[in-house]
Amino acid sequence: MKTKNSAQINKIALFDLNGKKVDTVELNKDVFNGKSNKTLLYQSILMYRSNQRRGTASTKTRANVRGGGKKPWRQKGTGRARVRSIRNPLW
């Protein structure tokens, strides 16, 4: 955050929601006169936004899916692989 007049950025005005000046805050020069790391800033914003997600995605297991009570074909004699239910996740 370096500007042409970076020595004068040690005080800023604090406003309320109506736009009325409430207070003046003094900033630490060691923090605000240094170089900014854009990659670190991007990663921190990305982490913050990722943590704000609800994460409601889900999939049903074979216990939660309807149907599939009867075997699709018999166990032996068809030449095909044995299958118990059509709701098997491998199907």
N, C-alpha and C. Protein backbone atom coordinates (compact mmCIF):
# COMPACT_ATOMS: atom_id res chain seq x y z
N MET A 1 0.81 -1.18 0.00
CA MET A 1 0.00 0.00 0.00
C MET A 1 0.85 1.25 0.00
N LYS A 2 1.85 1.29 -0.80
CA LYS A 2 2.69 2.48 -0.86
C LYS A 2 2.06 3.48 -1.81
N THR A 3 2.05 4.73 -1.37
CA THR A 3 1.57 5.82 -2.21
C THR A 3 2.68 6.86 -2.30
N LYS A 4 2.39 7.94 -2.98
CA LYS A 4 3.38 9.00 -3.11
C LYS A 4 3.71 9.60 -1.75
N ASN A 5 2.70 9.67 -0.89
CA ASN A 5 2.87 10.30 0.40
C ASN A 5 2.64 9.27 1.51
N SER A 6 3.42 8.21 1.51
CA SER A 6 3.18 7.10 2.44
C SER A 6 3.47 7.47 3.89
N ALA A 7 4.19 8.55 4.13
CA ALA A 7 4.48 8.95 5.51
C ALA A 7 3.24 9.54 6.19
N GLN A 8 2.25 9.97 5.41
CA GLN A 8 1.06 10.59 5.98
C GLN A 8 -0.11 9.62 6.14
N ILE A 9 0.10 8.33 5.92
CA ILE A 9 -1.00 7.37 6.02
C ILE A 9 -1.05 6.77 7.42
N ASN A 10 -0.70 7.48 8.43
CA ASN A 10 -0.72 6.90 9.77
C ASN A 10 -2.04 7.14 10.49
N LYS A 11 -2.93 8.01 9.99
CA LYS A 11 -4.23 8.24 10.62
C LYS A 11 -5.32 8.17 9.55
N ILE A 12 -6.41 7.48 9.89
CA ILE A 12 -7.55 7.43 8.98
C ILE A 12 -8.81 7.74 9.78
N ALA A 13 -9.82 8.22 9.08
CA ALA A 13 -11.10 8.56 9.72
C ALA A 13 -11.98 7.32 9.78
N LEU A 14 -12.75 7.19 10.86
CA LEU A 14 -13.66 6.08 11.06
C LEU A 14 -15.08 6.64 10.99
N PHE A 15 -15.91 6.07 10.09
CA PHE A 15 -17.27 6.56 9.86
C PHE A 15 -18.29 5.53 10.32
N ASP A 16 -19.49 6.01 10.69
CA ASP A 16 -20.57 5.08 11.04
C ASP A 16 -21.37 4.76 9.77
N LEU A 17 -22.48 4.04 9.91
CA LEU A 17 -23.26 3.62 8.75
C LEU A 17 -23.95 4.78 8.05
N ASN A 18 -24.14 5.88 8.73
CA ASN A 18 -24.78 7.04 8.13
C ASN A 18 -23.78 7.95 7.42
N GLY A 19 -22.50 7.65 7.48
CA GLY A 19 -21.48 8.46 6.84
C GLY A 19 -20.96 9.58 7.71
N LYS A 20 -21.29 9.56 8.98
CA LYS A 20 -20.85 10.60 9.91
C LYS A 20 -19.53 10.18 10.52
N LYS A 21 -18.57 11.12 10.60
CA LYS A 21 -17.26 10.81 11.16
C LYS A 21 -17.38 10.59 12.66
N VAL A 22 -16.88 9.43 13.11
CA VAL A 22 -17.01 9.06 14.51
C VAL A 22 -15.69 9.23 15.24
N ASP A 23 -14.60 8.78 14.62
CA ASP A 23 -13.32 8.74 15.33
C ASP A 23 -12.20 8.77 14.30
N THR A 24 -10.98 8.95 14.78
CA THR A 24 -9.78 8.85 13.97
C THR A 24 -8.92 7.73 14.53
N VAL A 25 -8.48 6.84 13.65
CA VAL A 25 -7.70 5.67 14.08
C VAL A 25 -6.28 5.83 13.57
N GLU A 26 -5.32 5.58 14.43
CA GLU A 26 -3.91 5.64 14.05
C GLU A 26 -3.44 4.25 13.64
N LEU A 27 -2.82 4.16 12.47
CA LEU A 27 -2.35 2.88 11.94
C LEU A 27 -0.88 2.67 12.26
N ASN A 28 -0.49 1.42 12.38
CA ASN A 28 0.90 1.06 12.65
C ASN A 28 1.69 1.16 11.34
N LYS A 29 2.74 1.96 11.31
CA LYS A 29 3.53 2.14 10.09
C LYS A 29 4.25 0.87 9.68
N ASP A 30 4.63 0.04 10.65
CA ASP A 30 5.34 -1.20 10.32
C ASP A 30 4.46 -2.15 9.52
N VAL A 31 3.17 -2.09 9.74
CA VAL A 31 2.25 -3.00 9.04
C VAL A 31 1.86 -2.45 7.68
N PHE A 32 1.53 -1.19 7.60
CA PHE A 32 0.93 -0.63 6.39
C PHE A 32 1.93 0.00 5.43
N ASN A 33 3.19 0.10 5.75
CA ASN A 33 4.18 0.66 4.82
C ASN A 33 5.01 -0.42 4.13
N GLY A 34 4.77 -1.67 4.43
CA GLY A 34 5.55 -2.76 3.84
C GLY A 34 5.00 -3.19 2.49
N LYS A 35 5.69 -4.16 1.88
CA LYS A 35 5.24 -4.72 0.61
C LYS A 35 4.09 -5.68 0.86
N SER A 36 3.20 -5.78 -0.12
CA SER A 36 2.09 -6.73 0.01
C SER A 36 2.40 -7.96 -0.85
N ASN A 37 2.06 -9.12 -0.32
CA ASN A 37 2.26 -10.39 -1.02
C ASN A 37 0.93 -10.77 -1.65
N LYS A 38 0.81 -10.58 -2.97
CA LYS A 38 -0.46 -10.81 -3.66
C LYS A 38 -0.87 -12.28 -3.62
N THR A 39 0.09 -13.17 -3.71
CA THR A 39 -0.23 -14.60 -3.68
C THR A 39 -0.79 -15.00 -2.33
N LEU A 40 -0.19 -14.52 -1.27
CA LEU A 40 -0.67 -14.83 0.07
C LEU A 40 -2.06 -14.24 0.31
N LEU A 41 -2.28 -13.04 -0.19
CA LEU A 41 -3.59 -12.40 -0.07
C LEU A 41 -4.64 -13.21 -0.82
N TYR A 42 -4.32 -13.65 -2.03
CA TYR A 42 -5.24 -14.47 -2.83
C TYR A 42 -5.56 -15.77 -2.12
N GLN A 43 -4.55 -16.44 -1.57
CA GLN A 43 -4.77 -17.71 -0.89
C GLN A 43 -5.61 -17.54 0.36
N SER A 44 -5.42 -16.46 1.08
CA SER A 44 -6.21 -16.25 2.29
C SER A 44 -7.67 -15.95 1.95
N ILE A 45 -7.91 -15.19 0.89
CA ILE A 45 -9.28 -14.92 0.46
C ILE A 45 -9.94 -16.20 -0.03
N LEU A 46 -9.20 -17.01 -0.78
CA LEU A 46 -9.72 -18.28 -1.27
C LEU A 46 -10.07 -19.21 -0.11
N MET A 47 -9.22 -19.28 0.89
CA MET A 47 -9.50 -20.12 2.06
C MET A 47 -10.73 -19.61 2.81
N TYR A 48 -10.84 -18.31 2.98
CA TYR A 48 -11.99 -17.73 3.67
C TYR A 48 -13.29 -18.06 2.94
N ARG A 49 -13.29 -17.88 1.61
CA ARG A 49 -14.50 -18.13 0.83
C ARG A 49 -14.84 -19.61 0.79
N SER A 50 -13.83 -20.48 0.78
CA SER A 50 -14.08 -21.92 0.79
C SER A 50 -14.70 -22.34 2.12
N ASN A 51 -14.26 -21.74 3.20
CA ASN A 51 -14.80 -22.09 4.51
C ASN A 51 -16.21 -21.54 4.73
N GLN A 52 -16.65 -20.60 3.91
CA GLN A 52 -18.00 -20.07 4.04
C GLN A 52 -19.05 -20.94 3.36
N ARG A 53 -18.63 -21.93 2.58
CA ARG A 53 -19.56 -22.82 1.87
C ARG A 53 -20.29 -23.72 2.86
N ARG A 54 -21.48 -24.11 2.49
CA ARG A 54 -22.27 -25.01 3.32
C ARG A 54 -21.79 -26.44 3.19
N GLY A 55 -21.43 -26.87 1.99
CA GLY A 55 -20.97 -28.24 1.79
C GLY A 55 -22.09 -29.25 1.95
N THR A 56 -23.21 -29.04 1.25
CA THR A 56 -24.38 -29.90 1.41
C THR A 56 -24.45 -31.00 0.35
N ALA A 57 -23.46 -31.12 -0.50
CA ALA A 57 -23.49 -32.16 -1.54
C ALA A 57 -23.39 -33.53 -0.89
N SER A 58 -24.18 -34.47 -1.41
CA SER A 58 -24.14 -35.83 -0.86
C SER A 58 -24.63 -36.81 -1.92
N THR A 59 -24.31 -38.07 -1.73
CA THR A 59 -24.79 -39.14 -2.60
C THR A 59 -25.45 -40.20 -1.74
N LYS A 60 -26.40 -40.87 -2.34
CA LYS A 60 -27.11 -41.92 -1.60
C LYS A 60 -26.33 -43.23 -1.71
N THR A 61 -26.35 -44.00 -0.65
CA THR A 61 -25.75 -45.33 -0.67
C THR A 61 -26.82 -46.33 -1.08
N ARG A 62 -26.45 -47.58 -1.21
CA ARG A 62 -27.43 -48.57 -1.65
C ARG A 62 -28.50 -48.80 -0.59
N ALA A 63 -28.25 -48.43 0.64
CA ALA A 63 -29.27 -48.55 1.68
C ALA A 63 -30.32 -47.44 1.56
N ASN A 64 -29.99 -46.32 0.93
CA ASN A 64 -30.90 -45.18 0.84
C ASN A 64 -31.69 -45.14 -0.47
N VAL A 65 -31.34 -46.00 -1.44
CA VAL A 65 -31.95 -45.96 -2.76
C VAL A 65 -33.13 -46.92 -2.80
N ARG A 66 -34.21 -46.53 -3.48
CA ARG A 66 -35.38 -47.40 -3.61
C ARG A 66 -35.12 -48.50 -4.61
N GLY A 67 -35.81 -49.61 -4.43
CA GLY A 67 -35.79 -50.71 -5.39
C GLY A 67 -34.61 -51.64 -5.21
N GLY A 68 -34.50 -52.58 -6.13
CA GLY A 68 -33.38 -53.51 -6.12
C GLY A 68 -33.54 -54.66 -5.17
N GLY A 69 -34.79 -55.11 -4.90
CA GLY A 69 -34.99 -56.21 -3.98
C GLY A 69 -34.75 -57.57 -4.61
N LYS A 70 -35.07 -57.71 -5.88
CA LYS A 70 -34.94 -59.00 -6.57
C LYS A 70 -33.61 -59.04 -7.32
N LYS A 71 -33.02 -60.26 -7.37
CA LYS A 71 -31.77 -60.42 -8.13
C LYS A 71 -32.06 -60.22 -9.62
N PRO A 72 -31.18 -59.54 -10.35
CA PRO A 72 -31.43 -59.32 -11.78
C PRO A 72 -31.39 -60.63 -12.59
N TRP A 73 -30.51 -61.53 -12.23
CA TRP A 73 -30.45 -62.87 -12.83
C TRP A 73 -29.94 -63.85 -11.80
N ARG A 74 -30.08 -65.11 -12.11
CA ARG A 74 -29.70 -66.12 -11.13
C ARG A 74 -28.20 -66.15 -10.92
N GLN A 75 -27.80 -66.80 -9.84
CA GLN A 75 -26.39 -66.80 -9.42
C GLN A 75 -25.50 -67.57 -10.39
N LYS A 76 -25.96 -68.73 -10.84
CA LYS A 76 -25.11 -69.60 -11.67
C LYS A 76 -25.77 -69.90 -13.00
N GLY A 77 -24.94 -70.20 -13.97
CA GLY A 77 -25.43 -70.71 -15.24
C GLY A 77 -25.63 -69.68 -16.33
N THR A 78 -25.49 -68.41 -16.05
CA THR A 78 -25.71 -67.41 -17.10
C THR A 78 -24.41 -67.01 -17.79
N GLY A 79 -23.27 -67.27 -17.16
CA GLY A 79 -22.00 -66.84 -17.72
C GLY A 79 -21.66 -65.40 -17.38
N ARG A 80 -22.53 -64.74 -16.70
CA ARG A 80 -22.28 -63.35 -16.31
C ARG A 80 -21.80 -63.31 -14.87
N ALA A 81 -21.32 -62.17 -14.45
CA ALA A 81 -20.85 -62.01 -13.07
C ALA A 81 -22.04 -62.05 -12.12
N ARG A 82 -21.79 -62.53 -10.91
CA ARG A 82 -22.87 -62.61 -9.92
C ARG A 82 -23.20 -61.21 -9.41
N VAL A 83 -24.47 -60.93 -9.33
CA VAL A 83 -24.96 -59.62 -8.93
C VAL A 83 -26.10 -59.83 -7.94
N ARG A 84 -26.10 -59.07 -6.86
CA ARG A 84 -27.17 -59.20 -5.87
C ARG A 84 -28.30 -58.22 -6.14
N SER A 85 -27.97 -56.99 -6.54
CA SER A 85 -28.98 -55.95 -6.66
C SER A 85 -28.61 -55.00 -7.79
N ILE A 86 -29.63 -54.42 -8.40
CA ILE A 86 -29.35 -53.43 -9.45
C ILE A 86 -28.98 -52.08 -8.85
N ARG A 87 -29.09 -51.93 -7.53
CA ARG A 87 -28.74 -50.69 -6.87
C ARG A 87 -27.31 -50.70 -6.33
N ASN A 88 -26.54 -51.68 -6.74
CA ASN A 88 -25.14 -51.77 -6.35
C ASN A 88 -24.39 -50.56 -6.93
N PRO A 89 -23.51 -49.91 -6.18
CA PRO A 89 -22.79 -48.74 -6.71
C PRO A 89 -21.91 -49.06 -7.91
N LEU A 90 -21.51 -50.31 -8.09
CA LEU A 90 -20.68 -50.67 -9.24
C LEU A 90 -21.50 -50.80 -10.51
N TRP A 91 -22.81 -50.83 -10.40
CA TRP A 91 -23.66 -50.97 -11.58
C TRP A 91 -23.76 -49.71 -12.29
